[in-house]
Amino acid sequence: MAAQERVWSGVTALDPREVSCETAAGLVLAADVVANENVPPFANTAVDGFAVRA
């Protein structure tokens, strides 16, 4: 059994729950967060770029 399979076999998913932003530190999102509008309202990646954490 591969190491990743061994880890996942011992993990049980919890039911999602709603929490306030103030108490959400250290938690993981259960679903994507989608904004109602683009901010800024135009493509600005040439100036701002993207941050990637590997």
PDB file of N, CA and C in Angstrom:
ATOM      1  N   MET A   1       0.857  -1.182   0.000  1.00  0.00           N
ATOM      2  CA  MET A   1       0.000   0.000   0.000  1.00  0.00           C
ATOM      3  C   MET A   1       0.902   1.244   0.000  1.00  0.00           C
ATOM      4  N   ALA A   2       0.613   2.160  -0.898  1.00  0.00           N
ATOM      5  CA  ALA A   2       1.394   3.397  -0.991  1.00  0.00           C
ATOM      6  C   ALA A   2       1.161   4.255   0.251  1.00  0.00           C
ATOM      7  N   ALA A   3       2.128   5.098   0.560  1.00  0.00           N
ATOM      8  CA  ALA A   3       2.046   5.933   1.762  1.00  0.00           C
ATOM      9  C   ALA A   3       0.802   6.814   1.757  1.00  0.00           C
ATOM     10  N   GLN A   4       0.490   7.402   0.609  1.00  0.00           N
ATOM     11  CA  GLN A   4      -0.682   8.285   0.541  1.00  0.00           C
ATOM     12  C   GLN A   4      -1.963   7.493   0.794  1.00  0.00           C
ATOM     13  N   GLU A   5      -2.063   6.299   0.272  1.00  0.00           N
ATOM     14  CA  GLU A   5      -3.247   5.466   0.504  1.00  0.00           C
ATOM     15  C   GLU A   5      -3.381   5.114   1.981  1.00  0.00           C
ATOM     16  N   ARG A   6      -2.267   4.853   2.646  1.00  0.00           N
ATOM     17  CA  ARG A   6      -2.306   4.534   4.076  1.00  0.00           C
ATOM     18  C   ARG A   6      -2.815   5.721   4.878  1.00  0.00           C
ATOM     19  N   VAL A   7      -2.380   6.922   4.505  1.00  0.00           N
ATOM     20  CA  VAL A   7      -2.842   8.115   5.216  1.00  0.00           C
ATOM     21  C   VAL A   7      -4.332   8.311   4.996  1.00  0.00           C
ATOM     22  N   TRP A   8      -4.779   8.278   3.739  1.00  0.00           N
ATOM     23  CA  TRP A   8      -6.189   8.517   3.428  1.00  0.00           C
ATOM     24  C   TRP A   8      -7.100   7.449   4.013  1.00  0.00           C
ATOM     25  N   SER A   9      -6.615   6.219   4.178  1.00  0.00           N
ATOM     26  CA  SER A   9      -7.456   5.157   4.737  1.00  0.00           C
ATOM     27  C   SER A   9      -7.771   5.411   6.211  1.00  0.00           C
ATOM     28  N   GLY A  10      -6.977   6.222   6.882  1.00  0.00           N
ATOM     29  CA  GLY A  10      -7.220   6.526   8.286  1.00  0.00           C
ATOM     30  C   GLY A  10      -7.907   7.850   8.524  1.00  0.00           C
ATOM     31  N   VAL A  11      -8.352   8.510   7.460  1.00  0.00           N
ATOM     32  CA  VAL A  11      -8.975   9.832   7.573  1.00  0.00           C
ATOM     33  C   VAL A  11     -10.485   9.709   7.402  1.00  0.00           C
ATOM     34  N   THR A  12     -11.222  10.357   8.265  1.00  0.00           N
ATOM     35  CA  THR A  12     -12.677  10.406   8.149  1.00  0.00           C
ATOM     36  C   THR A  12     -13.092  11.853   7.900  1.00  0.00           C
ATOM     37  N   ALA A  13     -13.846  12.084   6.834  1.00  0.00           N
ATOM     38  CA  ALA A  13     -14.299  13.441   6.508  1.00  0.00           C
ATOM     39  C   ALA A  13     -15.364  13.891   7.506  1.00  0.00           C
ATOM     40  N   LEU A  14     -15.276  15.137   7.916  1.00  0.00           N
ATOM     41  CA  LEU A  14     -16.266  15.723   8.810  1.00  0.00           C
ATOM     42  C   LEU A  14     -17.350  16.408   7.993  1.00  0.00           C
ATOM     43  N   ASP A  15     -18.527  16.553   8.568  1.00  0.00           N
ATOM     44  CA  ASP A  15     -19.601  17.283   7.904  1.00  0.00           C
ATOM     45  C   ASP A  15     -19.252  18.768   7.875  1.00  0.00           C
ATOM     46  N   PRO A  16     -19.580  19.461   6.766  1.00  0.00           N
ATOM     47  CA  PRO A  16     -19.317  20.899   6.703  1.00  0.00           C
ATOM     48  C   PRO A  16     -20.159  21.651   7.731  1.00  0.00           C
ATOM     49  N   ARG A  17     -19.655  22.795   8.173  1.00  0.00           N
ATOM     50  CA  ARG A  17     -20.395  23.641   9.105  1.00  0.00           C
ATOM     51  C   ARG A  17     -20.093  25.097   8.792  1.00  0.00           C
ATOM     52  N   GLU A  18     -21.019  25.965   9.102  1.00  0.00           N
ATOM     53  CA  GLU A  18     -20.826  27.393   8.877  1.00  0.00           C
ATOM     54  C   GLU A  18     -20.204  28.019  10.114  1.00  0.00           C
ATOM     55  N   VAL A  19     -19.178  28.835   9.883  1.00  0.00           N
ATOM     56  CA  VAL A  19     -18.528  29.573  10.969  1.00  0.00           C
ATOM     57  C   VAL A  19     -18.299  31.002  10.504  1.00  0.00           C
ATOM     58  N   SER A  20     -18.110  31.899  11.438  1.00  0.00           N
ATOM     59  CA  SER A  20     -17.833  33.292  11.077  1.00  0.00           C
ATOM     60  C   SER A  20     -16.394  33.419  10.609  1.00  0.00           C
ATOM     61  N   CYS A  21     -16.104  34.483   9.894  1.00  0.00           N
ATOM     62  CA  CYS A  21     -14.731  34.729   9.435  1.00  0.00           C
ATOM     63  C   CYS A  21     -13.775  34.841  10.613  1.00  0.00           C
ATOM     64  N   GLU A  22     -14.247  35.396  11.703  1.00  0.00           N
ATOM     65  CA  GLU A  22     -13.393  35.587  12.875  1.00  0.00           C
ATOM     66  C   GLU A  22     -12.953  34.264  13.495  1.00  0.00           C
ATOM     67  N   THR A  23     -13.752  33.214  13.372  1.00  0.00           N
ATOM     68  CA  THR A  23     -13.414  31.926  13.986  1.00  0.00           C
ATOM     69  C   THR A  23     -12.923  30.900  12.970  1.00  0.00           C
ATOM     70  N   ALA A  24     -12.732  31.306  11.720  1.00  0.00           N
ATOM     71  CA  ALA A  24     -12.372  30.366  10.660  1.00  0.00           C
ATOM     72  C   ALA A  24     -10.875  30.119  10.527  1.00  0.00           C
ATOM     73  N   ALA A  25     -10.053  30.817  11.280  1.00  0.00           N
ATOM     74  CA  ALA A  25      -8.599  30.649  11.167  1.00  0.00           C
ATOM     75  C   ALA A  25      -8.210  29.202  11.449  1.00  0.00           C
ATOM     76  N   GLY A  26      -7.409  28.631  10.542  1.00  0.00           N
ATOM     77  CA  GLY A  26      -6.933  27.265  10.708  1.00  0.00           C
ATOM     78  C   GLY A  26      -7.853  26.206  10.138  1.00  0.00           C
ATOM     79  N   LEU A  27      -9.035  26.598   9.667  1.00  0.00           N
ATOM     80  CA  LEU A  27      -9.974  25.639   9.087  1.00  0.00           C
ATOM     81  C   LEU A  27      -9.783  25.555   7.579  1.00  0.00           C
ATOM     82  N   VAL A  28     -10.390  24.550   6.951  1.00  0.00           N
ATOM     83  CA  VAL A  28     -10.290  24.325   5.510  1.00  0.00           C
ATOM     84  C   VAL A  28     -11.669  24.512   4.897  1.00  0.00           C
ATOM     85  N   LEU A  29     -11.724  25.161   3.726  1.00  0.00           N
ATOM     86  CA  LEU A  29     -13.006  25.366   3.043  1.00  0.00           C
ATOM     87  C   LEU A  29     -13.575  24.048   2.540  1.00  0.00           C
ATOM     88  N   ALA A  30     -14.886  23.875   2.669  1.00  0.00           N
ATOM     89  CA  ALA A  30     -15.561  22.691   2.155  1.00  0.00           C
ATOM     90  C   ALA A  30     -16.060  22.918   0.733  1.00  0.00           C
ATOM     91  N   ALA A  31     -16.077  24.172   0.279  1.00  0.00           N
ATOM     92  CA  ALA A  31     -16.554  24.505  -1.065  1.00  0.00           C
ATOM     93  C   ALA A  31     -15.819  25.748  -1.546  1.00  0.00           C
ATOM     94  N   ASP A  32     -15.866  25.973  -2.848  1.00  0.00           N
ATOM     95  CA  ASP A  32     -15.235  27.155  -3.422  1.00  0.00           C
ATOM     96  C   ASP A  32     -15.949  28.424  -2.963  1.00  0.00           C
ATOM     97  N   VAL A  33     -15.197  29.502  -2.848  1.00  0.00           N
ATOM     98  CA  VAL A  33     -15.758  30.819  -2.563  1.00  0.00           C
ATOM     99  C   VAL A  33     -15.764  31.592  -3.871  1.00  0.00           C
ATOM    100  N   VAL A  34     -16.921  32.105  -4.259  1.00  0.00           N
ATOM    101  CA  VAL A  34     -17.065  32.806  -5.528  1.00  0.00           C
ATOM    102  C   VAL A  34     -17.617  34.202  -5.256  1.00  0.00           C
ATOM    103  N   ALA A  35     -16.962  35.212  -5.817  1.00  0.00           N
ATOM    104  CA  ALA A  35     -17.412  36.590  -5.644  1.00  0.00           C
ATOM    105  C   ALA A  35     -18.546  36.904  -6.616  1.00  0.00           C
ATOM    106  N   ASN A  36     -19.422  37.807  -6.227  1.00  0.00           N
ATOM    107  CA  ASN A  36     -20.527  38.224  -7.090  1.00  0.00           C
ATOM    108  C   ASN A  36     -20.062  39.113  -8.233  1.00  0.00           C
ATOM    109  N   GLU A  37     -18.907  39.769  -8.056  1.00  0.00           N
ATOM    110  CA  GLU A  37     -18.372  40.637  -9.104  1.00  0.00           C
ATOM    111  C   GLU A  37     -16.847  40.607  -9.049  1.00  0.00           C
ATOM    112  N   ASN A  38     -16.228  40.917 -10.180  1.00  0.00           N
ATOM    113  CA  ASN A  38     -14.773  40.949 -10.246  1.00  0.00           C
ATOM    114  C   ASN A  38     -14.235  42.203  -9.565  1.00  0.00           C
ATOM    115  N   VAL A  39     -13.190  42.031  -8.776  1.00  0.00           N
ATOM    116  CA  VAL A  39     -12.550  43.176  -8.132  1.00  0.00           C
ATOM    117  C   VAL A  39     -11.052  43.044  -8.349  1.00  0.00           C
ATOM    118  N   PRO A  40     -10.411  43.913  -9.129  1.00  0.00           N
ATOM    119  CA  PRO A  40     -10.988  45.023  -9.875  1.00  0.00           C
ATOM    120  C   PRO A  40     -11.817  44.498 -11.053  1.00  0.00           C
ATOM    121  N   PRO A  41     -12.635  45.343 -11.637  1.00  0.00           N
ATOM    122  CA  PRO A  41     -13.542  44.902 -12.698  1.00  0.00           C
ATOM    123  C   PRO A  41     -12.866  44.727 -14.058  1.00  0.00           C
ATOM    124  N   PHE A  42     -11.546  44.555 -14.086  1.00  0.00           N
ATOM    125  CA  PHE A  42     -10.816  44.356 -15.343  1.00  0.00           C
ATOM    126  C   PHE A  42      -9.618  43.451 -15.047  1.00  0.00           C
ATOM    127  N   ALA A  43      -9.068  42.834 -16.106  1.00  0.00           N
ATOM    128  CA  ALA A  43      -7.900  41.968 -15.948  1.00  0.00           C
ATOM    129  C   ALA A  43      -6.686  42.821 -15.608  1.00  0.00           C
ATOM    130  N   ASN A  44      -6.034  42.530 -14.500  1.00  0.00           N
ATOM    131  CA  ASN A  44      -4.931  43.365 -14.043  1.00  0.00           C
ATOM    132  C   ASN A  44      -3.726  42.523 -13.628  1.00  0.00           C
ATOM    133  N   THR A  45      -3.600  41.320 -14.162  1.00  0.00           N
ATOM    134  CA  THR A  45      -2.530  40.429 -13.722  1.00  0.00           C
ATOM    135  C   THR A  45      -1.145  40.912 -14.131  1.00  0.00           C
ATOM    136  N   ALA A  46      -1.053  41.751 -15.156  1.00  0.00           N
ATOM    137  CA  ALA A  46       0.256  42.263 -15.575  1.00  0.00           C
ATOM    138  C   ALA A  46       0.883  43.108 -14.474  1.00  0.00           C
ATOM    139  N   VAL A  47       0.068  43.765 -13.688  1.00  0.00           N
ATOM    140  CA  VAL A  47       0.561  44.602 -12.604  1.00  0.00           C
ATOM    141  C   VAL A  47       0.599  43.824 -11.289  1.00  0.00           C
ATOM    142  N   ASP A  48      -0.485  43.121 -10.988  1.00  0.00           N
ATOM    143  CA  ASP A  48      -0.607  42.449  -9.695  1.00  0.00           C
ATOM    144  C   ASP A  48       0.053  41.078  -9.662  1.00  0.00           C
ATOM    145  N   GLY A  49      -0.067  40.302 -10.738  1.00  0.00           N
ATOM    146  CA  GLY A  49       0.494  38.957 -10.766  1.00  0.00           C
ATOM    147  C   GLY A  49      -0.287  37.998  -9.890  1.00  0.00           C
ATOM    148  N   PHE A  50       0.289  36.845  -9.677  1.00  0.00           N
ATOM    149  CA  PHE A  50      -0.328  35.810  -8.860  1.00  0.00           C
ATOM    150  C   PHE A  50       0.671  35.336  -7.823  1.00  0.00           C
ATOM    151  N   ALA A  51       0.192  34.953  -6.661  1.00  0.00           N
ATOM    152  CA  ALA A  51       1.041  34.352  -5.632  1.00  0.00           C
ATOM    153  C   ALA A  51       0.720  32.868  -5.572  1.00  0.00           C
ATOM    154  N   VAL A  52       1.752  32.048  -5.596  1.00  0.00           N
ATOM    155  CA  VAL A  52       1.563  30.597  -5.543  1.00  0.00           C
ATOM    156  C   VAL A  52       2.375  30.055  -4.387  1.00  0.00           C
ATOM    157  N   ARG A  53       1.716  29.268  -3.563  1.00  0.00           N
ATOM    158  CA  ARG A  53       2.412  28.620  -2.454  1.00  0.00           C
ATOM    159  C   ARG A  53       2.502  27.138  -2.767  1.00  0.00           C
ATOM    160  N   ALA A  54       3.709  26.644  -2.907  1.00  0.00           N
ATOM    161  CA  ALA A  54       3.895  25.235  -3.273  1.00  0.00           C
ATOM    162  C   ALA A  54       4.180  24.393  -2.060  1.00  0.00           C
TER     163      ALA A  54
END
